[in-house]
Amino acid sequence: MRVTVHYFASFRDAVGRDQEERELPEGSDVAALWRRLAAEVPLFARLPRPAPAAVNRAHSPVTTILRSGDEVAFLPPVAGG
């Protein structure tokens, strides 16, 4: 199945693009997508757990099963004060 991943802020900087299409096995959940990204992107791998995610613009737990055509965005940590 194919999903679109959107990247923002530090995640966009780490990946070098705003979005991309990703191929995943049927039945994959948000956590599986995160693991795949963490295997390729050092910034993702350094985080102690998956970043909060939105699937089709709705906040979603990492156990959310993805479907072909879904849009997934991981929300990067925010610093400031």
PDB file of N, CA and C in Angstrom:
ATOM      1  N   MET A   1       0.844  -1.169   0.000  1.00  0.00           N
ATOM      2  CA  MET A   1       0.000   0.000   0.000  1.00  0.00           C
ATOM      3  C   MET A   1       0.886   1.228   0.000  1.00  0.00           C
ATOM      4  N   ARG A   2       0.336   2.317  -0.455  1.00  0.00           N
ATOM      5  CA  ARG A   2       1.103   3.556  -0.579  1.00  0.00           C
ATOM      6  C   ARG A   2       0.445   4.640   0.284  1.00  0.00           C
ATOM      7  N   VAL A   3       1.283   5.312   1.105  1.00  0.00           N
ATOM      8  CA  VAL A   3       0.820   6.433   1.921  1.00  0.00           C
ATOM      9  C   VAL A   3       1.687   7.654   1.622  1.00  0.00           C
ATOM     10  N   THR A   4       1.148   8.821   1.905  1.00  0.00           N
ATOM     11  CA  THR A   4       1.906  10.064   1.767  1.00  0.00           C
ATOM     12  C   THR A   4       2.336  10.504   3.154  1.00  0.00           C
ATOM     13  N   VAL A   5       3.620  10.790   3.312  1.00  0.00           N
ATOM     14  CA  VAL A   5       4.151  11.273   4.588  1.00  0.00           C
ATOM     15  C   VAL A   5       4.506  12.745   4.422  1.00  0.00           C
ATOM     16  N   HIS A   6       3.989  13.565   5.332  1.00  0.00           N
ATOM     17  CA  HIS A   6       4.274  14.998   5.337  1.00  0.00           C
ATOM     18  C   HIS A   6       5.288  15.291   6.443  1.00  0.00           C
ATOM     19  N   TYR A   7       6.244  16.162   6.139  1.00  0.00           N
ATOM     20  CA  TYR A   7       7.284  16.527   7.101  1.00  0.00           C
ATOM     21  C   TYR A   7       7.223  18.018   7.386  1.00  0.00           C
ATOM     22  N   PHE A   8       7.396  18.374   8.658  1.00  0.00           N
ATOM     23  CA  PHE A   8       7.359  19.764   9.085  1.00  0.00           C
ATOM     24  C   PHE A   8       8.589  20.092   9.923  1.00  0.00           C
ATOM     25  N   ALA A   9       8.989  21.359   9.890  1.00  0.00           N
ATOM     26  CA  ALA A   9      10.028  21.924  10.762  1.00  0.00           C
ATOM     27  C   ALA A   9      11.301  21.068  10.751  1.00  0.00           C
ATOM     28  N   SER A  10      11.757  20.638  11.931  1.00  0.00           N
ATOM     29  CA  SER A  10      13.026  19.900  12.015  1.00  0.00           C
ATOM     30  C   SER A  10      12.962  18.571  11.262  1.00  0.00           C
ATOM     31  N   PHE A  11      11.796  17.956  11.179  1.00  0.00           N
ATOM     32  CA  PHE A  11      11.673  16.709  10.418  1.00  0.00           C
ATOM     33  C   PHE A  11      11.873  16.986   8.929  1.00  0.00           C
ATOM     34  N   ARG A  12      11.306  18.076   8.447  1.00  0.00           N
ATOM     35  CA  ARG A  12      11.490  18.453   7.035  1.00  0.00           C
ATOM     36  C   ARG A  12      12.973  18.706   6.761  1.00  0.00           C
ATOM     37  N   ASP A  13      13.634  19.405   7.676  1.00  0.00           N
ATOM     38  CA  ASP A  13      15.066  19.679   7.505  1.00  0.00           C
ATOM     39  C   ASP A  13      15.877  18.379   7.484  1.00  0.00           C
ATOM     40  N   ALA A  14      15.534  17.438   8.346  1.00  0.00           N
ATOM     41  CA  ALA A  14      16.283  16.185   8.432  1.00  0.00           C
ATOM     42  C   ALA A  14      16.101  15.314   7.195  1.00  0.00           C
ATOM     43  N   VAL A  15      14.903  15.341   6.626  1.00  0.00           N
ATOM     44  CA  VAL A  15      14.595  14.493   5.472  1.00  0.00           C
ATOM     45  C   VAL A  15      14.947  15.190   4.163  1.00  0.00           C
ATOM     46  N   GLY A  16      14.840  16.527   4.155  1.00  0.00           N
ATOM     47  CA  GLY A  16      15.188  17.281   2.960  1.00  0.00           C
ATOM     48  C   GLY A  16      14.044  17.484   1.987  1.00  0.00           C
ATOM     49  N   ARG A  17      12.805  17.248   2.447  1.00  0.00           N
ATOM     50  CA  ARG A  17      11.636  17.475   1.585  1.00  0.00           C
ATOM     51  C   ARG A  17      10.392  17.652   2.459  1.00  0.00           C
ATOM     52  N   ASP A  18       9.355  18.199   1.849  1.00  0.00           N
ATOM     53  CA  ASP A  18       8.098  18.449   2.554  1.00  0.00           C
ATOM     54  C   ASP A  18       7.227  17.207   2.670  1.00  0.00           C
ATOM     55  N   GLN A  19       7.302  16.348   1.659  1.00  0.00           N
ATOM     56  CA  GLN A  19       6.472  15.143   1.659  1.00  0.00           C
ATOM     57  C   GLN A  19       7.065  14.115   0.720  1.00  0.00           C
ATOM     58  N   GLU A  20       6.588  12.897   0.882  1.00  0.00           N
ATOM     59  CA  GLU A  20       6.987  11.815  -0.016  1.00  0.00           C
ATOM     60  C   GLU A  20       5.975  10.688   0.075  1.00  0.00           C
ATOM     61  N   GLU A  21       5.977   9.862  -0.939  1.00  0.00           N
ATOM     62  CA  GLU A  21       5.156   8.650  -0.953  1.00  0.00           C
ATOM     63  C   GLU A  21       5.994   7.520  -0.361  1.00  0.00           C
ATOM     64  N   ARG A  22       5.352   6.676   0.443  1.00  0.00           N
ATOM     65  CA  ARG A  22       6.015   5.515   1.024  1.00  0.00           C
ATOM     66  C   ARG A  22       5.181   4.280   0.752  1.00  0.00           C
ATOM     67  N   GLU A  23       5.847   3.209   0.410  1.00  0.00           N
ATOM     68  CA  GLU A  23       5.229   1.904   0.188  1.00  0.00           C
ATOM     69  C   GLU A  23       5.366   1.121   1.492  1.00  0.00           C
ATOM     70  N   LEU A  24       4.266   0.566   1.981  1.00  0.00           N
ATOM     71  CA  LEU A  24       4.258  -0.225   3.211  1.00  0.00           C
ATOM     72  C   LEU A  24       3.461  -1.509   2.983  1.00  0.00           C
ATOM     73  N   PRO A  25       3.760  -2.543   3.749  1.00  0.00           N
ATOM     74  CA  PRO A  25       2.944  -3.759   3.653  1.00  0.00           C
ATOM     75  C   PRO A  25       1.519  -3.491   4.154  1.00  0.00           C
ATOM     76  N   GLU A  26       0.548  -4.168   3.560  1.00  0.00           N
ATOM     77  CA  GLU A  26      -0.834  -4.068   4.035  1.00  0.00           C
ATOM     78  C   GLU A  26      -0.873  -4.392   5.524  1.00  0.00           C
ATOM     79  N   GLY A  27      -1.707  -3.662   6.261  1.00  0.00           N
ATOM     80  CA  GLY A  27      -1.851  -3.906   7.695  1.00  0.00           C
ATOM     81  C   GLY A  27      -0.845  -3.167   8.554  1.00  0.00           C
ATOM     82  N   SER A  28       0.035  -2.371   7.939  1.00  0.00           N
ATOM     83  CA  SER A  28       1.025  -1.613   8.720  1.00  0.00           C
ATOM     84  C   SER A  28       0.324  -0.543   9.539  1.00  0.00           C
ATOM     85  N   ASP A  29       0.888  -0.287  10.724  1.00  0.00           N
ATOM     86  CA  ASP A  29       0.352   0.775  11.555  1.00  0.00           C
ATOM     87  C   ASP A  29       1.316   1.961  11.570  1.00  0.00           C
ATOM     88  N   VAL A  30       0.936   3.007  12.273  1.00  0.00           N
ATOM     89  CA  VAL A  30       1.763   4.218  12.355  1.00  0.00           C
ATOM     90  C   VAL A  30       3.134   3.888  12.934  1.00  0.00           C
ATOM     91  N   ALA A  31       3.188   3.021  13.929  1.00  0.00           N
ATOM     92  CA  ALA A  31       4.472   2.651  14.542  1.00  0.00           C
ATOM     93  C   ALA A  31       5.405   1.989  13.526  1.00  0.00           C
ATOM     94  N   ALA A  32       4.873   1.160  12.644  1.00  0.00           N
ATOM     95  CA  ALA A  32       5.701   0.503  11.623  1.00  0.00           C
ATOM     96  C   ALA A  32       6.286   1.536  10.668  1.00  0.00           C
ATOM     97  N   LEU A  33       5.486   2.525  10.296  1.00  0.00           N
ATOM     98  CA  LEU A  33       6.002   3.601   9.444  1.00  0.00           C
ATOM     99  C   LEU A  33       7.103   4.355  10.169  1.00  0.00           C
ATOM    100  N   TRP A  34       6.892   4.673  11.439  1.00  0.00           N
ATOM    101  CA  TRP A  34       7.913   5.386  12.217  1.00  0.00           C
ATOM    102  C   TRP A  34       9.209   4.579  12.270  1.00  0.00           C
ATOM    103  N   ARG A  35       9.112   3.277  12.527  1.00  0.00           N
ATOM    104  CA  ARG A  35      10.324   2.438  12.591  1.00  0.00           C
ATOM    105  C   ARG A  35      11.083   2.472  11.278  1.00  0.00           C
ATOM    106  N   ARG A  36      10.364   2.426  10.174  1.00  0.00           N
ATOM    107  CA  ARG A  36      11.014   2.474   8.863  1.00  0.00           C
ATOM    108  C   ARG A  36      11.734   3.809   8.683  1.00  0.00           C
ATOM    109  N   LEU A  37      11.083   4.895   9.056  1.00  0.00           N
ATOM    110  CA  LEU A  37      11.713   6.212   8.935  1.00  0.00           C
ATOM    111  C   LEU A  37      12.916   6.331   9.871  1.00  0.00           C
ATOM    112  N   ALA A  38      12.787   5.825  11.086  1.00  0.00           N
ATOM    113  CA  ALA A  38      13.885   5.902  12.059  1.00  0.00           C
ATOM    114  C   ALA A  38      15.105   5.108  11.598  1.00  0.00           C
ATOM    115  N   ALA A  39      14.892   4.070  10.815  1.00  0.00           N
ATOM    116  CA  ALA A  39      16.009   3.281  10.283  1.00  0.00           C
ATOM    117  C   ALA A  39      16.788   4.062   9.227  1.00  0.00           C
ATOM    118  N   GLU A  40      16.164   5.093   8.670  1.00  0.00           N
ATOM    119  CA  GLU A  40      16.794   5.866   7.596  1.00  0.00           C
ATOM    120  C   GLU A  40      17.201   7.278   7.998  1.00  0.00           C
ATOM    121  N   VAL A  41      16.552   7.839   9.012  1.00  0.00           N
ATOM    122  CA  VAL A  41      16.768   9.243   9.369  1.00  0.00           C
ATOM    123  C   VAL A  41      17.298   9.314  10.805  1.00  0.00           C
ATOM    124  N   PRO A  42      18.570   9.697  10.989  1.00  0.00           N
ATOM    125  CA  PRO A  42      19.168   9.718  12.329  1.00  0.00           C
ATOM    126  C   PRO A  42      18.374  10.532  13.354  1.00  0.00           C
ATOM    127  N   LEU A  43      17.814  11.653  12.967  1.00  0.00           N
ATOM    128  CA  LEU A  43      17.045  12.460  13.919  1.00  0.00           C
ATOM    129  C   LEU A  43      15.876  11.658  14.481  1.00  0.00           C
ATOM    130  N   PHE A  44      15.183  10.929  13.644  1.00  0.00           N
ATOM    131  CA  PHE A  44      14.049  10.132  14.104  1.00  0.00           C
ATOM    132  C   PHE A  44      14.533   9.040  15.058  1.00  0.00           C
ATOM    133  N   ALA A  45      15.635   8.425  14.735  1.00  0.00           N
ATOM    134  CA  ALA A  45      16.163   7.329  15.549  1.00  0.00           C
ATOM    135  C   ALA A  45      16.581   7.803  16.935  1.00  0.00           C
ATOM    136  N   ARG A  46      16.960   9.060  17.064  1.00  0.00           N
ATOM    137  CA  ARG A  46      17.401   9.585  18.361  1.00  0.00           C
ATOM    138  C   ARG A  46      16.253   9.855  19.332  1.00  0.00           C
ATOM    139  N   LEU A  47      15.046   9.947  18.842  1.00  0.00           N
ATOM    140  CA  LEU A  47      13.915  10.217  19.728  1.00  0.00           C
ATOM    141  C   LEU A  47      13.570   8.966  20.530  1.00  0.00           C
ATOM    142  N   PRO A  48      13.214   9.123  21.815  1.00  0.00           N
ATOM    143  CA  PRO A  48      12.970   7.949  22.660  1.00  0.00           C
ATOM    144  C   PRO A  48      11.709   7.168  22.307  1.00  0.00           C
ATOM    145  N   ARG A  49      10.790   7.784  21.575  1.00  0.00           N
ATOM    146  CA  ARG A  49       9.560   7.118  21.148  1.00  0.00           C
ATOM    147  C   ARG A  49       9.044   7.823  19.894  1.00  0.00           C
ATOM    148  N   PRO A  50       8.122   7.216  19.193  1.00  0.00           N
ATOM    149  CA  PRO A  50       7.595   7.878  17.998  1.00  0.00           C
ATOM    150  C   PRO A  50       6.995   9.246  18.324  1.00  0.00           C
ATOM    151  N   ALA A  51       7.179  10.166  17.407  1.00  0.00           N
ATOM    152  CA  ALA A  51       6.580  11.492  17.550  1.00  0.00           C
ATOM    153  C   ALA A  51       5.061  11.372  17.426  1.00  0.00           C
ATOM    154  N   PRO A  52       4.325  12.300  18.021  1.00  0.00           N
ATOM    155  CA  PRO A  52       2.864  12.292  17.824  1.00  0.00           C
ATOM    156  C   PRO A  52       2.549  12.336  16.329  1.00  0.00           C
ATOM    157  N   ALA A  53       1.481  11.652  15.967  1.00  0.00           N
ATOM    158  CA  ALA A  53       1.141  11.529  14.548  1.00  0.00           C
ATOM    159  C   ALA A  53      -0.282  11.992  14.279  1.00  0.00           C
ATOM    160  N   ALA A  54      -0.480  12.425  13.044  1.00  0.00           N
ATOM    161  CA  ALA A  54      -1.820  12.709  12.538  1.00  0.00           C
ATOM    162  C   ALA A  54      -2.002  11.883  11.270  1.00  0.00           C
ATOM    163  N   VAL A  55      -3.121  11.196  11.187  1.00  0.00           N
ATOM    164  CA  VAL A  55      -3.480  10.439   9.985  1.00  0.00           C
ATOM    165  C   VAL A  55      -4.718  11.105   9.401  1.00  0.00           C
ATOM    166  N   ASN A  56      -4.572  11.541   8.164  1.00  0.00           N
ATOM    167  CA  ASN A  56      -5.660  12.260   7.502  1.00  0.00           C
ATOM    168  C   ASN A  56      -6.145  13.436   8.348  1.00  0.00           C
ATOM    169  N   ARG A  57      -5.167  14.152   8.921  1.00  0.00           N
ATOM    170  CA  ARG A  57      -5.373  15.386   9.700  1.00  0.00           C
ATOM    171  C   ARG A  57      -6.042  15.191  11.047  1.00  0.00           C
ATOM    172  N   ALA A  58      -6.099  13.975  11.544  1.00  0.00           N
ATOM    173  CA  ALA A  58      -6.655  13.699  12.865  1.00  0.00           C
ATOM    174  C   ALA A  58      -5.567  13.059  13.727  1.00  0.00           C
ATOM    175  N   HIS A  59      -5.362  13.575  14.931  1.00  0.00           N
ATOM    176  CA  HIS A  59      -4.375  12.973  15.830  1.00  0.00           C
ATOM    177  C   HIS A  59      -4.704  11.497  15.989  1.00  0.00           C
ATOM    178  N   SER A  60      -3.651  10.668  15.906  1.00  0.00           N
ATOM    179  CA  SER A  60      -3.864   9.224  15.884  1.00  0.00           C
ATOM    180  C   SER A  60      -2.800   8.518  16.709  1.00  0.00           C
ATOM    181  N   PRO A  61      -3.187   7.473  17.445  1.00  0.00           N
ATOM    182  CA  PRO A  61      -2.193   6.687  18.183  1.00  0.00           C
ATOM    183  C   PRO A  61      -1.324   5.875  17.226  1.00  0.00           C
ATOM    184  N   VAL A  62      -0.181   5.422  17.730  1.00  0.00           N
ATOM    185  CA  VAL A  62       0.747   4.653  16.887  1.00  0.00           C
ATOM    186  C   VAL A  62       0.169   3.304  16.477  1.00  0.00           C
ATOM    187  N   THR A  63      -0.898   2.880  17.116  1.00  0.00           N
ATOM    188  CA  THR A  63      -1.533   1.602  16.779  1.00  0.00           C
ATOM    189  C   THR A  63      -2.536   1.731  15.626  1.00  0.00           C
ATOM    190  N   THR A  64      -2.719   2.942  15.107  1.00  0.00           N
ATOM    191  CA  THR A  64      -3.655   3.160  14.008  1.00  0.00           C
ATOM    192  C   THR A  64      -3.190   2.412  12.760  1.00  0.00           C
ATOM    193  N   ILE A  65      -4.048   1.566  12.228  1.00  0.00           N
ATOM    194  CA  ILE A  65      -3.739   0.832  11.002  1.00  0.00           C
ATOM    195  C   ILE A  65      -3.902   1.781   9.820  1.00  0.00           C
ATOM    196  N   LEU A  66      -2.884   1.799   8.964  1.00  0.00           N
ATOM    197  CA  LEU A  66      -2.904   2.673   7.793  1.00  0.00           C
ATOM    198  C   LEU A  66      -3.555   1.980   6.608  1.00  0.00           C
ATOM    199  N   ARG A  67      -4.124   2.804   5.734  1.00  0.00           N
ATOM    200  CA  ARG A  67      -4.744   2.306   4.505  1.00  0.00           C
ATOM    201  C   ARG A  67      -4.119   3.016   3.319  1.00  0.00           C
ATOM    202  N   SER A  68      -4.150   2.384   2.192  1.00  0.00           N
ATOM    203  CA  SER A  68      -3.612   2.992   0.984  1.00  0.00           C
ATOM    204  C   SER A  68      -4.288   4.341   0.751  1.00  0.00           C
ATOM    205  N   GLY A  69      -3.477   5.353   0.460  1.00  0.00           N
ATOM    206  CA  GLY A  69      -3.987   6.692   0.223  1.00  0.00           C
ATOM    207  C   GLY A  69      -3.996   7.586   1.448  1.00  0.00           C
ATOM    208  N   ASP A  70      -3.723   7.026   2.632  1.00  0.00           N
ATOM    209  CA  ASP A  70      -3.684   7.853   3.841  1.00  0.00           C
ATOM    210  C   ASP A  70      -2.569   8.885   3.760  1.00  0.00           C
ATOM    211  N   GLU A  71      -2.775   9.987   4.464  1.00  0.00           N
ATOM    212  CA  GLU A  71      -1.754  11.004   4.645  1.00  0.00           C
ATOM    213  C   GLU A  71      -1.345  10.972   6.105  1.00  0.00           C
ATOM    214  N   VAL A  72      -0.032  10.872   6.343  1.00  0.00           N
ATOM    215  CA  VAL A  72       0.491  10.776   7.705  1.00  0.00           C
ATOM    216  C   VAL A  72       1.465  11.923   7.930  1.00  0.00           C
ATOM    217  N   ALA A  73       1.327  12.579   9.072  1.00  0.00           N
ATOM    218  CA  ALA A  73       2.272  13.620   9.471  1.00  0.00           C
ATOM    219  C   ALA A  73       2.731  13.315  10.888  1.00  0.00           C
ATOM    220  N   PHE A  74       4.032  13.347  11.092  1.00  0.00           N
ATOM    221  CA  PHE A  74       4.588  13.232  12.437  1.00  0.00           C
ATOM    222  C   PHE A  74       4.915  14.641  12.898  1.00  0.00           C
ATOM    223  N   LEU A  75       4.509  14.964  14.118  1.00  0.00           N
ATOM    224  CA  LEU A  75       4.656  16.316  14.626  1.00  0.00           C
ATOM    225  C   LEU A  75       5.957  16.418  15.428  1.00  0.00           C
ATOM    226  N   PRO A  76       6.897  17.213  14.928  1.00  0.00           N
ATOM    227  CA  PRO A  76       8.218  17.276  15.570  1.00  0.00           C
ATOM    228  C   PRO A  76       8.147  17.958  16.934  1.00  0.00           C
ATOM    229  N   PRO A  77       9.120  17.633  17.799  1.00  0.00           N
ATOM    230  CA  PRO A  77       9.178  18.307  19.091  1.00  0.00           C
ATOM    231  C   PRO A  77       9.386  19.799  18.889  1.00  0.00           C
ATOM    232  N   VAL A  78       8.826  20.578  19.785  1.00  0.00           N
ATOM    233  CA  VAL A  78       8.928  22.034  19.693  1.00  0.00           C
ATOM    234  C   VAL A  78       9.730  22.526  20.888  1.00  0.00           C
ATOM    235  N   ALA A  79      10.685  23.395  20.615  1.00  0.00           N
ATOM    236  CA  ALA A  79      11.470  24.015  21.687  1.00  0.00           C
ATOM    237  C   ALA A  79      11.050  25.468  21.812  1.00  0.00           C
ATOM    238  N   GLY A  80      11.281  26.014  22.931  1.00  0.00           N
ATOM    239  CA  GLY A  80      10.948  27.425  23.096  1.00  0.00           C
ATOM    240  C   GLY A  80      10.535  27.713  24.521  1.00  0.00           C
ATOM    241  N   GLY A  81      10.114  28.908  24.711  1.00  0.00           N
ATOM    242  CA  GLY A  81       9.716  29.259  26.064  1.00  0.00           C
ATOM    243  C   GLY A  81       8.979  30.543  26.114  1.00  0.00           C
TER     244      GLY A  81
END
